Amino acid sequence: EYDYWKERYGKSVRIAYMEGKRGNIFSADEKLLATSIMYYTVSMDPVAPGEEDFHVALSALSKELSNFREEKRLPLKSAREYEKNLGNARLDRDRYVTLFKDLSYEEVEQIKTWPLFELGKNKGGLIIERNEKREHIFAKLMERTLGHFAEEKPAVGIELAFDEYLKGREMPIRQLKTSKGNWIPLEGVEKYPEDGLDVYSTVNIDFQYIAHNALEEILQ
């Protein structure tokens, strides 16, 4: 199937890799030290839907988009504006229109039920991109021990030493380059790749907290 797309679009098609969610790091007494927060960007390919599907559902979809902005207390945008913008994007063959950023999984599941989007990526034009943000629960405490990232790769600490176990499995996805240089998936993602494993350290967070505060008092 990849050969078919490659033959049709040439250099505008590539294989990229999506990773599963990174595993958590716990202390010896099973307190959460590091975890990954998943958030989502929702975009639309207005060119993907069929002519009838697009025009029948556009008005209802635009109302959902406008109402959702109001619910999230984002700058207001009317249904009429959405209808006009998406219609123009379709005429201009713009295949990547960003709608919302930093959404939760629950919000994305809600959006999947909307008119047109309920048809999925290929027929509805819905594009969902999953992003990951690494969070250290105790902020600066044990920052060096846990480790940090450089250019999205673990650089030091537990994050680096146990990266083989923590990182999620990779899954290949086919992407198409739009005329504006954006890479969009050729198909919708039905199942995300397998998550990484959790790591349980020998660190006692209470002892670390006492030591950290004592050291700060000496240095002040």
N, C-alpha and C. Protein backbone atom coordinates (compact mmCIF):
# COMPACT_ATOMS: atom_id res chain seq x y z
N GLU A 1 0.83 -1.21 0.00
CA GLU A 1 0.00 0.00 0.00
C GLU A 1 0.86 1.26 0.00
N TYR A 2 1.98 1.22 0.76
CA TYR A 2 2.88 2.37 0.79
C TYR A 2 3.44 2.64 -0.61
N ASP A 3 3.76 1.57 -1.36
CA ASP A 3 4.28 1.73 -2.71
C ASP A 3 3.28 2.45 -3.61
N TYR A 4 1.97 2.18 -3.37
CA TYR A 4 0.93 2.85 -4.15
C TYR A 4 0.96 4.35 -3.91
N TRP A 5 1.01 4.76 -2.62
CA TRP A 5 1.03 6.18 -2.29
C TRP A 5 2.32 6.84 -2.78
N LYS A 6 3.45 6.11 -2.67
CA LYS A 6 4.73 6.65 -3.10
C LYS A 6 4.72 6.88 -4.61
N GLU A 7 4.15 5.95 -5.34
CA GLU A 7 4.07 6.08 -6.79
C GLU A 7 3.16 7.25 -7.18
N ARG A 8 2.11 7.46 -6.38
CA ARG A 8 1.13 8.51 -6.70
C ARG A 8 1.65 9.90 -6.35
N TYR A 9 2.31 10.02 -5.17
CA TYR A 9 2.71 11.35 -4.71
C TYR A 9 4.22 11.59 -4.70
N GLY A 10 5.02 10.56 -4.96
CA GLY A 10 6.47 10.71 -5.01
C GLY A 10 7.07 11.16 -3.69
N LYS A 11 7.88 12.23 -3.72
CA LYS A 11 8.58 12.71 -2.53
C LYS A 11 7.65 13.36 -1.51
N SER A 12 6.39 13.53 -1.87
CA SER A 12 5.43 14.13 -0.94
C SER A 12 4.88 13.12 0.05
N VAL A 13 5.36 11.88 0.00
CA VAL A 13 4.94 10.84 0.95
C VAL A 13 6.16 10.33 1.71
N ARG A 14 5.98 10.11 3.02
CA ARG A 14 7.07 9.57 3.83
C ARG A 14 6.51 8.66 4.91
N ILE A 15 7.41 7.87 5.49
CA ILE A 15 7.09 7.07 6.66
C ILE A 15 7.64 7.79 7.89
N ALA A 16 6.79 8.11 8.84
CA ALA A 16 7.21 8.70 10.11
C ALA A 16 6.88 7.69 11.22
N TYR A 17 7.33 7.99 12.43
CA TYR A 17 7.12 7.05 13.53
C TYR A 17 6.47 7.75 14.71
N MET A 18 5.42 7.12 15.22
CA MET A 18 4.73 7.61 16.41
C MET A 18 5.13 6.72 17.59
N GLU A 19 5.43 7.34 18.72
CA GLU A 19 5.83 6.58 19.91
C GLU A 19 4.68 6.49 20.91
N GLY A 20 4.62 5.37 21.62
CA GLY A 20 3.66 5.24 22.70
C GLY A 20 4.05 6.13 23.87
N LYS A 21 3.15 6.29 24.79
CA LYS A 21 3.39 7.14 25.97
C LYS A 21 4.57 6.61 26.78
N ARG A 22 5.42 7.52 27.23
CA ARG A 22 6.59 7.15 28.04
C ARG A 22 6.14 6.66 29.41
N GLY A 23 6.84 5.67 29.94
CA GLY A 23 6.48 5.09 31.24
C GLY A 23 6.74 6.05 32.40
N ASN A 24 6.13 5.75 33.54
CA ASN A 24 6.30 6.57 34.74
C ASN A 24 7.53 6.15 35.52
N ILE A 25 8.02 7.06 36.37
CA ILE A 25 9.09 6.73 37.33
C ILE A 25 8.52 6.90 38.73
N PHE A 26 8.72 5.88 39.56
CA PHE A 26 8.21 5.89 40.93
C PHE A 26 9.36 5.83 41.93
N SER A 27 9.08 6.28 43.16
CA SER A 27 10.05 6.16 44.25
C SER A 27 9.95 4.76 44.86
N ALA A 28 10.82 4.48 45.84
CA ALA A 28 10.81 3.16 46.49
C ALA A 28 9.49 2.90 47.20
N ASP A 29 8.84 3.95 47.70
CA ASP A 29 7.56 3.80 48.38
C ASP A 29 6.38 4.08 47.44
N GLU A 30 6.63 3.94 46.12
CA GLU A 30 5.60 3.99 45.07
C GLU A 30 4.94 5.35 44.93
N LYS A 31 5.68 6.42 45.24
CA LYS A 31 5.18 7.77 44.95
C LYS A 31 5.61 8.12 43.52
N LEU A 32 4.71 8.78 42.81
CA LEU A 32 4.99 9.14 41.42
C LEU A 32 6.00 10.29 41.36
N LEU A 33 7.09 10.06 40.63
CA LEU A 33 8.15 11.07 40.50
C LEU A 33 8.12 11.76 39.13
N ALA A 34 7.87 11.00 38.09
CA ALA A 34 7.86 11.56 36.73
C ALA A 34 6.78 10.86 35.91
N THR A 35 6.08 11.64 35.11
CA THR A 35 5.03 11.07 34.28
C THR A 35 4.91 11.89 33.00
N SER A 36 4.16 11.39 32.05
CA SER A 36 3.94 12.09 30.78
C SER A 36 2.48 12.52 30.68
N ILE A 37 2.28 13.79 30.36
CA ILE A 37 0.95 14.33 30.15
C ILE A 37 0.70 14.36 28.64
N MET A 38 -0.37 13.73 28.21
CA MET A 38 -0.70 13.69 26.79
C MET A 38 -1.69 14.81 26.47
N TYR A 39 -1.42 15.52 25.40
CA TYR A 39 -2.36 16.54 24.94
C TYR A 39 -2.43 16.47 23.41
N TYR A 40 -3.48 17.02 22.86
CA TYR A 40 -3.79 16.77 21.46
C TYR A 40 -4.05 18.07 20.69
N THR A 41 -3.63 18.05 19.43
CA THR A 41 -3.96 19.12 18.49
C THR A 41 -4.96 18.56 17.48
N VAL A 42 -6.05 19.29 17.29
CA VAL A 42 -7.08 18.86 16.33
C VAL A 42 -7.07 19.81 15.13
N SER A 43 -6.91 19.23 13.95
CA SER A 43 -6.92 20.00 12.71
C SER A 43 -7.90 19.36 11.74
N MET A 44 -8.04 19.99 10.57
CA MET A 44 -8.95 19.44 9.58
C MET A 44 -8.34 19.54 8.18
N ASP A 45 -8.57 18.51 7.40
CA ASP A 45 -8.26 18.52 5.97
C ASP A 45 -9.58 18.72 5.23
N PRO A 46 -9.93 19.97 4.88
CA PRO A 46 -11.23 20.23 4.25
C PRO A 46 -11.37 19.62 2.85
N VAL A 47 -10.25 19.17 2.28
CA VAL A 47 -10.29 18.60 0.93
C VAL A 47 -10.69 17.13 0.96
N ALA A 48 -10.47 16.47 2.09
CA ALA A 48 -10.69 15.02 2.19
C ALA A 48 -12.15 14.59 2.00
N PRO A 49 -13.13 15.25 2.61
CA PRO A 49 -14.52 14.79 2.48
C PRO A 49 -15.05 14.90 1.04
N GLY A 50 -16.01 14.05 0.72
CA GLY A 50 -16.69 14.15 -0.56
C GLY A 50 -17.50 15.42 -0.63
N GLU A 51 -17.83 15.85 -1.84
CA GLU A 51 -18.54 17.12 -2.04
C GLU A 51 -19.86 17.17 -1.27
N GLU A 52 -20.64 16.13 -1.37
CA GLU A 52 -21.95 16.12 -0.70
C GLU A 52 -21.80 16.08 0.81
N ASP A 53 -20.94 15.20 1.30
CA ASP A 53 -20.72 15.11 2.74
C ASP A 53 -20.30 16.45 3.32
N PHE A 54 -19.37 17.12 2.65
CA PHE A 54 -18.83 18.40 3.15
C PHE A 54 -19.93 19.45 3.25
N HIS A 55 -20.66 19.65 2.19
CA HIS A 55 -21.63 20.74 2.16
C HIS A 55 -22.87 20.45 3.02
N VAL A 56 -23.24 19.20 3.16
CA VAL A 56 -24.38 18.84 4.00
C VAL A 56 -24.06 19.07 5.48
N ALA A 57 -22.83 18.77 5.88
CA ALA A 57 -22.47 18.81 7.31
C ALA A 57 -21.79 20.11 7.73
N LEU A 58 -21.37 20.94 6.79
CA LEU A 58 -20.55 22.11 7.12
C LEU A 58 -21.22 23.05 8.12
N SER A 59 -22.47 23.35 7.95
CA SER A 59 -23.17 24.27 8.84
C SER A 59 -23.24 23.74 10.26
N ALA A 60 -23.62 22.47 10.41
CA ALA A 60 -23.72 21.86 11.74
C ALA A 60 -22.35 21.74 12.40
N LEU A 61 -21.33 21.39 11.61
CA LEU A 61 -19.97 21.30 12.16
C LEU A 61 -19.49 22.66 12.63
N SER A 62 -19.76 23.70 11.86
CA SER A 62 -19.33 25.05 12.22
C SER A 62 -19.96 25.51 13.54
N LYS A 63 -21.20 25.13 13.77
CA LYS A 63 -21.86 25.46 15.04
C LYS A 63 -21.18 24.76 16.22
N GLU A 64 -20.81 23.49 16.02
CA GLU A 64 -20.12 22.74 17.07
C GLU A 64 -18.77 23.40 17.38
N LEU A 65 -18.04 23.79 16.35
CA LEU A 65 -16.74 24.44 16.54
C LEU A 65 -16.88 25.74 17.31
N SER A 66 -17.87 26.54 16.95
CA SER A 66 -18.09 27.82 17.62
C SER A 66 -18.50 27.63 19.08
N ASN A 67 -19.42 26.69 19.32
CA ASN A 67 -19.88 26.42 20.69
C ASN A 67 -18.75 25.91 21.57
N PHE A 68 -17.89 25.07 20.98
CA PHE A 68 -16.77 24.51 21.74
C PHE A 68 -15.80 25.61 22.17
N ARG A 69 -15.54 26.55 21.30
CA ARG A 69 -14.68 27.69 21.66
C ARG A 69 -15.26 28.46 22.84
N GLU A 70 -16.57 28.64 22.81
CA GLU A 70 -17.23 29.37 23.90
C GLU A 70 -17.14 28.60 25.21
N GLU A 71 -17.32 27.27 25.14
CA GLU A 71 -17.22 26.43 26.34
C GLU A 71 -15.82 26.50 26.96
N LYS A 72 -14.80 26.56 26.13
CA LYS A 72 -13.42 26.61 26.61
C LYS A 72 -12.95 28.03 26.89
N ARG A 73 -13.84 29.00 26.72
CA ARG A 73 -13.55 30.42 26.97
C ARG A 73 -12.39 30.91 26.11
N LEU A 74 -12.37 30.45 24.88
CA LEU A 74 -11.41 30.93 23.91
C LEU A 74 -11.99 32.16 23.22
N PRO A 75 -11.14 32.96 22.54
CA PRO A 75 -11.70 34.11 21.79
C PRO A 75 -12.81 33.64 20.86
N LEU A 76 -13.93 34.33 20.90
CA LEU A 76 -15.11 33.87 20.18
C LEU A 76 -14.92 33.91 18.66
N LYS A 77 -15.50 32.91 18.02
CA LYS A 77 -15.50 32.84 16.55
C LYS A 77 -16.84 32.27 16.15
N SER A 78 -17.57 32.98 15.34
CA SER A 78 -18.94 32.57 15.02
C SER A 78 -18.97 31.38 14.09
N ALA A 79 -20.12 30.72 14.08
CA ALA A 79 -20.32 29.57 13.18
C ALA A 79 -20.20 30.03 11.73
N ARG A 80 -20.68 31.23 11.45
CA ARG A 80 -20.60 31.77 10.08
C ARG A 80 -19.14 31.93 9.65
N GLU A 81 -18.29 32.41 10.58
CA GLU A 81 -16.87 32.57 10.26
C GLU A 81 -16.22 31.22 9.96
N TYR A 82 -16.54 30.23 10.78
CA TYR A 82 -15.98 28.89 10.56
C TYR A 82 -16.43 28.35 9.20
N GLU A 83 -17.70 28.52 8.90
CA GLU A 83 -18.25 28.01 7.65
C GLU A 83 -17.54 28.66 6.45
N LYS A 84 -17.32 29.95 6.54
CA LYS A 84 -16.65 30.67 5.46
C LYS A 84 -15.19 30.24 5.33
N ASN A 85 -14.47 30.17 6.48
CA ASN A 85 -13.05 29.83 6.47
C ASN A 85 -12.79 28.43 5.95
N LEU A 86 -13.60 27.46 6.39
CA LEU A 86 -13.41 26.08 5.95
C LEU A 86 -13.78 25.92 4.48
N GLY A 87 -14.81 26.64 4.05
CA GLY A 87 -15.20 26.60 2.64
C GLY A 87 -14.10 27.16 1.75
N ASN A 88 -13.51 28.28 2.18
CA ASN A 88 -12.42 28.88 1.42
C ASN A 88 -11.18 27.98 1.40
N ALA A 89 -10.90 27.34 2.55
CA ALA A 89 -9.74 26.44 2.62
C ALA A 89 -9.90 25.28 1.64
N ARG A 90 -11.11 24.79 1.52
CA ARG A 90 -11.38 23.69 0.59
C ARG A 90 -11.15 24.16 -0.86
N LEU A 91 -11.61 25.36 -1.18
CA LEU A 91 -11.42 25.90 -2.53
C LEU A 91 -9.94 26.12 -2.83
N ASP A 92 -9.17 26.53 -1.80
CA ASP A 92 -7.74 26.79 -1.96
C ASP A 92 -6.89 25.52 -1.88
N ARG A 93 -7.55 24.37 -1.67
CA ARG A 93 -6.85 23.08 -1.54
C ARG A 93 -5.90 23.06 -0.34
N ASP A 94 -6.27 23.82 0.71
CA ASP A 94 -5.49 23.83 1.95
C ASP A 94 -5.87 22.61 2.77
N ARG A 95 -4.95 21.67 2.92
CA ARG A 95 -5.27 20.39 3.54
C ARG A 95 -4.92 20.33 5.03
N TYR A 96 -4.57 21.46 5.62
CA TYR A 96 -4.22 21.44 7.04
C TYR A 96 -4.67 22.73 7.71
N VAL A 97 -5.83 22.69 8.34
CA VAL A 97 -6.39 23.84 9.05
C VAL A 97 -6.43 23.50 10.54
N THR A 98 -5.62 24.18 11.34
CA THR A 98 -5.59 23.91 12.78
C THR A 98 -6.83 24.50 13.45
N LEU A 99 -7.49 23.68 14.25
CA LEU A 99 -8.72 24.12 14.92
C LEU A 99 -8.50 24.38 16.41
N PHE A 100 -7.90 23.40 17.12
CA PHE A 100 -7.70 23.54 18.56
C PHE A 100 -6.37 22.89 18.96
N LYS A 101 -5.76 23.45 20.00
CA LYS A 101 -4.53 22.88 20.54
C LYS A 101 -4.70 22.58 22.03
N ASP A 102 -3.81 21.73 22.54
CA ASP A 102 -3.76 21.41 23.98
C ASP A 102 -5.08 20.87 24.52
N LEU A 103 -5.67 19.95 23.79
CA LEU A 103 -6.92 19.33 24.23
C LEU A 103 -6.65 18.05 25.00
N SER A 104 -7.60 17.67 25.84
CA SER A 104 -7.51 16.40 26.57
C SER A 104 -8.07 15.27 25.71
N TYR A 105 -7.80 14.05 26.14
CA TYR A 105 -8.31 12.87 25.44
C TYR A 105 -9.84 12.90 25.40
N GLU A 106 -10.46 13.29 26.51
CA GLU A 106 -11.92 13.32 26.60
C GLU A 106 -12.51 14.33 25.62
N GLU A 107 -11.83 15.47 25.47
CA GLU A 107 -12.31 16.49 24.54
C GLU A 107 -12.20 16.00 23.09
N VAL A 108 -11.12 15.29 22.79
CA VAL A 108 -10.95 14.74 21.45
C VAL A 108 -12.04 13.71 21.14
N GLU A 109 -12.34 12.87 22.12
CA GLU A 109 -13.40 11.87 21.92
C GLU A 109 -14.74 12.54 21.65
N GLN A 110 -14.98 13.67 22.30
CA GLN A 110 -16.21 14.44 22.06
C GLN A 110 -16.23 14.97 20.62
N ILE A 111 -15.11 15.52 20.16
CA ILE A 111 -15.02 16.09 18.82
C ILE A 111 -15.23 15.02 17.75
N LYS A 112 -14.82 13.81 18.03
CA LYS A 112 -14.97 12.72 17.06
C LYS A 112 -16.44 12.41 16.74
N THR A 113 -17.35 12.85 17.59
CA THR A 113 -18.78 12.56 17.38
C THR A 113 -19.48 13.65 16.57
N TRP A 114 -18.78 14.74 16.26
CA TRP A 114 -19.41 15.86 15.57
C TRP A 114 -19.73 15.52 14.11
N PRO A 115 -20.67 16.28 13.52
CA PRO A 115 -20.99 16.07 12.10
C PRO A 115 -19.73 16.14 11.23
N LEU A 116 -19.63 15.31 10.26
CA LEU A 116 -18.51 15.16 9.35
C LEU A 116 -17.32 14.45 10.02
N PHE A 117 -16.90 14.93 11.20
CA PHE A 117 -15.76 14.31 11.88
C PHE A 117 -16.07 12.87 12.29
N GLU A 118 -17.34 12.56 12.45
CA GLU A 118 -17.72 11.20 12.82
C GLU A 118 -17.36 10.20 11.71
N LEU A 119 -17.07 10.72 10.52
CA LEU A 119 -16.68 9.86 9.40
C LEU A 119 -15.20 9.51 9.43
N GLY A 120 -14.43 10.14 10.34
CA GLY A 120 -13.01 9.80 10.49
C GLY A 120 -12.10 10.67 9.64
N LYS A 121 -10.86 10.20 9.46
CA LYS A 121 -9.85 10.97 8.73
C LYS A 121 -10.11 10.98 7.23
N ASN A 122 -10.27 9.83 6.64
CA ASN A 122 -10.34 9.75 5.18
C ASN A 122 -11.60 10.39 4.61
N LYS A 123 -12.74 10.20 5.27
CA LYS A 123 -14.01 10.73 4.75
C LYS A 123 -14.43 12.03 5.44
N GLY A 124 -13.95 12.25 6.65
CA GLY A 124 -14.37 13.43 7.41
C GLY A 124 -13.32 14.50 7.53
N GLY A 125 -12.07 14.17 7.19
CA GLY A 125 -11.00 15.17 7.23
C GLY A 125 -10.46 15.48 8.61
N LEU A 126 -10.83 14.69 9.61
CA LEU A 126 -10.37 14.96 10.99
C LEU A 126 -8.92 14.51 11.16
N ILE A 127 -8.07 15.41 11.63
CA ILE A 127 -6.66 15.12 11.89
C ILE A 127 -6.39 15.31 13.37
N ILE A 128 -5.91 14.25 14.03
CA ILE A 128 -5.61 14.30 15.45
C ILE A 128 -4.12 14.01 15.65
N GLU A 129 -3.42 14.94 16.29
CA GLU A 129 -1.99 14.76 16.57
C GLU A 129 -1.79 14.69 18.08
N ARG A 130 -1.09 13.66 18.51
CA ARG A 130 -0.87 13.47 19.94
C ARG A 130 0.52 13.96 20.33
N ASN A 131 0.59 14.74 21.39
CA ASN A 131 1.86 15.29 21.87
C ASN A 131 2.06 14.88 23.32
N GLU A 132 3.31 14.89 23.74
CA GLU A 132 3.64 14.42 25.08
C GLU A 132 4.51 15.45 25.79
N LYS A 133 4.16 15.73 27.05
CA LYS A 133 4.96 16.64 27.87
C LYS A 133 5.39 15.92 29.14
N ARG A 134 6.69 15.87 29.40
CA ARG A 134 7.22 15.18 30.58
C ARG A 134 7.15 16.07 31.80
N GLU A 135 6.59 15.56 32.87
CA GLU A 135 6.42 16.33 34.10
C GLU A 135 7.13 15.65 35.26
N HIS A 136 7.94 16.42 36.01
CA HIS A 136 8.55 15.94 37.25
C HIS A 136 7.69 16.47 38.40
N ILE A 137 7.10 15.56 39.13
CA ILE A 137 6.07 15.91 40.11
C ILE A 137 6.60 16.83 41.21
N PHE A 138 7.84 16.62 41.65
CA PHE A 138 8.38 17.41 42.76
C PHE A 138 9.29 18.53 42.28
N ALA A 139 9.02 19.02 41.08
CA ALA A 139 9.73 20.18 40.51
C ALA A 139 11.25 19.98 40.54
N LYS A 140 11.96 20.87 41.25
CA LYS A 140 13.43 20.86 41.24
C LYS A 140 14.03 19.72 42.09
N LEU A 141 13.24 19.16 42.95
CA LEU A 141 13.74 18.09 43.82
C LEU A 141 14.16 16.88 42.97
N MET A 142 15.39 16.43 43.11
CA MET A 142 15.91 15.26 42.39
C MET A 142 15.98 15.48 40.88
N GLU A 143 16.06 16.73 40.46
CA GLU A 143 16.04 17.02 39.03
C GLU A 143 17.17 16.32 38.29
N ARG A 144 18.37 16.36 38.87
CA ARG A 144 19.52 15.73 38.22
C ARG A 144 19.41 14.21 38.25
N THR A 145 18.91 13.68 39.35
CA THR A 145 18.78 12.22 39.47
C THR A 145 17.78 11.67 38.47
N LEU A 146 16.64 12.34 38.36
CA LEU A 146 15.63 11.89 37.42
C LEU A 146 16.10 12.10 35.98
N GLY A 147 16.75 13.24 35.74
CA GLY A 147 17.26 13.53 34.41
C GLY A 147 16.41 14.53 33.65
N HIS A 148 17.00 15.04 32.59
CA HIS A 148 16.27 15.98 31.73
C HIS A 148 16.46 15.58 30.27
N PHE A 149 15.76 16.30 29.40
CA PHE A 149 15.78 15.98 27.97
C PHE A 149 16.48 17.09 27.19
N ALA A 150 17.18 16.69 26.15
CA ALA A 150 17.81 17.62 25.21
C ALA A 150 17.40 17.19 23.81
N GLU A 151 16.76 18.12 23.09
CA GLU A 151 16.26 17.82 21.74
C GLU A 151 15.37 16.58 21.73
N GLU A 152 14.49 16.53 22.74
CA GLU A 152 13.48 15.48 22.87
C GLU A 152 14.06 14.10 23.18
N LYS A 153 15.35 14.05 23.54
CA LYS A 153 15.98 12.79 23.91
C LYS A 153 16.49 12.89 25.35
N PRO A 154 16.37 11.80 26.15
CA PRO A 154 16.89 11.84 27.51
C PRO A 154 18.39 12.06 27.51
N ALA A 155 18.87 12.97 28.39
CA ALA A 155 20.30 13.33 28.39
C ALA A 155 21.06 12.77 29.57
N VAL A 156 20.43 12.71 30.75
CA VAL A 156 21.12 12.22 31.95
C VAL A 156 20.12 11.52 32.86
N GLY A 157 20.62 10.97 33.97
CA GLY A 157 19.77 10.45 35.04
C GLY A 157 19.02 9.17 34.70
N ILE A 158 18.00 8.91 35.50
CA ILE A 158 17.18 7.70 35.33
C ILE A 158 16.52 7.69 33.95
N GLU A 159 16.11 8.86 33.48
CA GLU A 159 15.47 8.95 32.16
C GLU A 159 16.37 8.36 31.08
N LEU A 160 17.67 8.62 31.18
CA LEU A 160 18.61 8.11 30.18
C LEU A 160 18.99 6.65 30.46
N ALA A 161 19.29 6.35 31.72
CA ALA A 161 19.76 5.00 32.08
C ALA A 161 18.72 3.93 31.77
N PHE A 162 17.45 4.26 31.93
CA PHE A 162 16.38 3.28 31.72
C PHE A 162 15.50 3.64 30.51
N ASP A 163 16.08 4.40 29.59
CA ASP A 163 15.32 4.84 28.42
C ASP A 163 14.77 3.67 27.61
N GLU A 164 15.54 2.60 27.53
CA GLU A 164 15.11 1.42 26.76
C GLU A 164 13.78 0.87 27.27
N TYR A 165 13.55 0.98 28.59
CA TYR A 165 12.33 0.45 29.18
C TYR A 165 11.22 1.51 29.22
N LEU A 166 11.60 2.76 29.47
CA LEU A 166 10.62 3.82 29.63
C LEU A 166 9.95 4.24 28.33
N LYS A 167 10.72 4.26 27.25
CA LYS A 167 10.17 4.78 26.00
C LYS A 167 9.10 3.85 25.44
N GLY A 168 8.09 4.46 24.84
CA GLY A 168 7.02 3.69 24.23
C GLY A 168 7.48 3.03 22.94
N ARG A 169 6.74 2.02 22.53
CA ARG A 169 7.07 1.35 21.27
C ARG A 169 6.77 2.27 20.09
N GLU A 170 7.47 2.06 18.99
CA GLU A 170 7.27 2.87 17.79
C GLU A 170 6.30 2.21 16.82
N MET A 171 5.50 3.04 16.15
CA MET A 171 4.57 2.55 15.15
C MET A 171 4.70 3.41 13.89
N PRO A 172 4.95 2.81 12.73
CA PRO A 172 5.09 3.59 11.50
C PRO A 172 3.74 4.13 11.03
N ILE A 173 3.76 5.37 10.54
CA ILE A 173 2.55 5.97 9.96
C ILE A 173 2.94 6.64 8.64
N ARG A 174 2.05 6.57 7.67
CA ARG A 174 2.29 7.19 6.37
C ARG A 174 1.79 8.64 6.40
N GLN A 175 2.63 9.55 5.91
CA GLN A 175 2.29 10.97 5.93
C GLN A 175 2.39 11.57 4.53
N LEU A 176 1.55 12.57 4.28
CA LEU A 176 1.53 13.29 3.01
C LEU A 176 1.90 14.75 3.26
N LYS A 177 2.80 15.29 2.44
CA LYS A 177 3.21 16.68 2.56
C LYS A 177 2.26 17.56 1.78
N THR A 178 1.66 18.55 2.44
CA THR A 178 0.72 19.45 1.78
C THR A 178 1.46 20.52 1.00
N SER A 179 0.73 21.29 0.23
CA SER A 179 1.34 22.36 -0.56
C SER A 179 1.97 23.45 0.31
N LYS A 180 1.52 23.53 1.58
CA LYS A 180 2.07 24.52 2.50
C LYS A 180 3.17 23.95 3.40
N GLY A 181 3.58 22.71 3.11
CA GLY A 181 4.71 22.13 3.83
C GLY A 181 4.37 21.37 5.09
N ASN A 182 3.09 21.20 5.41
CA ASN A 182 2.69 20.43 6.59
C ASN A 182 2.62 18.95 6.24
N TRP A 183 3.01 18.10 7.18
CA TRP A 183 2.90 16.65 6.99
C TRP A 183 1.65 16.16 7.71
N ILE A 184 0.73 15.56 6.97
CA ILE A 184 -0.52 15.08 7.55
C ILE A 184 -0.63 13.57 7.34
N PRO A 185 -1.30 12.86 8.25
CA PRO A 185 -1.44 11.40 8.08
C PRO A 185 -2.32 11.06 6.89
N LEU A 186 -1.93 10.01 6.18
CA LEU A 186 -2.74 9.55 5.05
C LEU A 186 -3.97 8.79 5.53
N GLU A 187 -3.87 8.18 6.69
CA GLU A 187 -5.01 7.47 7.27
C GLU A 187 -5.16 7.89 8.73
N GLY A 188 -6.35 7.70 9.27
CA GLY A 188 -6.58 7.96 10.69
C GLY A 188 -5.91 6.90 11.54
N VAL A 189 -5.51 7.29 12.75
CA VAL A 189 -4.89 6.35 13.69
C VAL A 189 -5.99 5.69 14.52
N GLU A 190 -6.18 4.40 14.31
CA GLU A 190 -7.23 3.67 15.03
C GLU A 190 -6.73 3.20 16.40
N LYS A 191 -5.42 2.93 16.50
CA LYS A 191 -4.87 2.41 17.74
C LYS A 191 -3.48 2.99 17.95
N TYR A 192 -3.24 3.54 19.14
CA TYR A 192 -1.94 4.13 19.43
C TYR A 192 -0.94 3.05 19.81
N PRO A 193 0.37 3.31 19.59
CA PRO A 193 1.38 2.30 19.92
C PRO A 193 1.44 2.01 21.41
N GLU A 194 2.06 0.90 21.75
CA GLU A 194 2.13 0.42 23.13
C GLU A 194 2.95 1.37 24.00
N ASP A 195 2.47 1.62 25.21
CA ASP A 195 3.16 2.52 26.14
C ASP A 195 4.45 1.88 26.66
N GLY A 196 5.36 2.74 27.15
CA GLY A 196 6.58 2.27 27.79
C GLY A 196 6.30 1.67 29.16
N LEU A 197 7.30 1.05 29.73
CA LEU A 197 7.17 0.40 31.04
C LEU A 197 7.45 1.40 32.16
N ASP A 198 6.86 1.16 33.32
CA ASP A 198 7.15 1.97 34.50
C ASP A 198 8.44 1.49 35.16
N VAL A 199 9.15 2.43 35.79
CA VAL A 199 10.40 2.11 36.49
C VAL A 199 10.23 2.49 37.96
N TYR A 200 10.56 1.53 38.84
CA TYR A 200 10.51 1.77 40.29
C TYR A 200 11.94 1.91 40.80
N SER A 201 12.26 3.09 41.32
CA SER A 201 13.62 3.37 41.78
C SER A 201 13.78 3.02 43.25
N THR A 202 15.01 3.15 43.75
CA THR A 202 15.29 2.89 45.18
C THR A 202 15.27 4.20 45.97
N VAL A 203 14.87 5.28 45.33
CA VAL A 203 14.86 6.60 45.96
C VAL A 203 13.73 6.69 46.99
N ASN A 204 14.06 7.25 48.16
CA ASN A 204 13.05 7.56 49.17
C ASN A 204 12.80 9.06 49.11
N ILE A 205 11.63 9.45 48.67
CA ILE A 205 11.36 10.87 48.42
C ILE A 205 11.37 11.70 49.70
N ASP A 206 10.98 11.10 50.82
CA ASP A 206 10.97 11.84 52.09
C ASP A 206 12.39 12.18 52.52
N PHE A 207 13.31 11.22 52.40
CA PHE A 207 14.72 11.48 52.73
C PHE A 207 15.30 12.54 51.78
N GLN A 208 14.94 12.45 50.52
CA GLN A 208 15.43 13.41 49.53
C GLN A 208 14.95 14.82 49.86
N TYR A 209 13.71 14.92 50.32
CA TYR A 209 13.13 16.22 50.66
C TYR A 209 13.86 16.84 51.85
N ILE A 210 14.14 16.03 52.86
CA ILE A 210 14.86 16.52 54.06
C ILE A 210 16.26 16.97 53.68
N ALA A 211 16.96 16.15 52.88
CA ALA A 211 18.32 16.48 52.46
C ALA A 211 18.35 17.74 51.60
N HIS A 212 17.38 17.87 50.72
CA HIS A 212 17.31 19.02 49.81
C HIS A 212 17.10 20.30 50.61
N ASN A 213 16.19 20.29 51.58
CA ASN A 213 15.91 21.48 52.38
C ASN A 213 17.10 21.86 53.26
N ALA A 214 17.75 20.84 53.83
CA ALA A 214 18.91 21.09 54.69
C ALA A 214 20.03 21.74 53.88
N LEU A 215 20.26 21.27 52.68
CA LEU A 215 21.30 21.82 51.82
C LEU A 215 20.97 23.24 51.42
N GLU A 216 19.72 23.52 51.14
CA GLU A 216 19.30 24.88 50.77
C GLU A 216 19.53 25.86 51.91
N GLU A 217 19.26 25.41 53.16
CA GLU A 217 19.46 26.28 54.34
C GLU A 217 20.94 26.60 54.52
N ILE A 218 21.80 25.63 54.27
CA ILE A 218 23.26 25.87 54.41
C ILE A 218 23.75 26.86 53.37
N LEU A 219 23.21 26.75 52.16
CA LEU A 219 23.68 27.61 51.06
C LEU A 219 23.14 29.03 51.13
N GLN A 220 22.07 29.23 51.89
CA GLN A 220 21.47 30.57 51.97
C GLN A 220 22.28 31.49 52.86
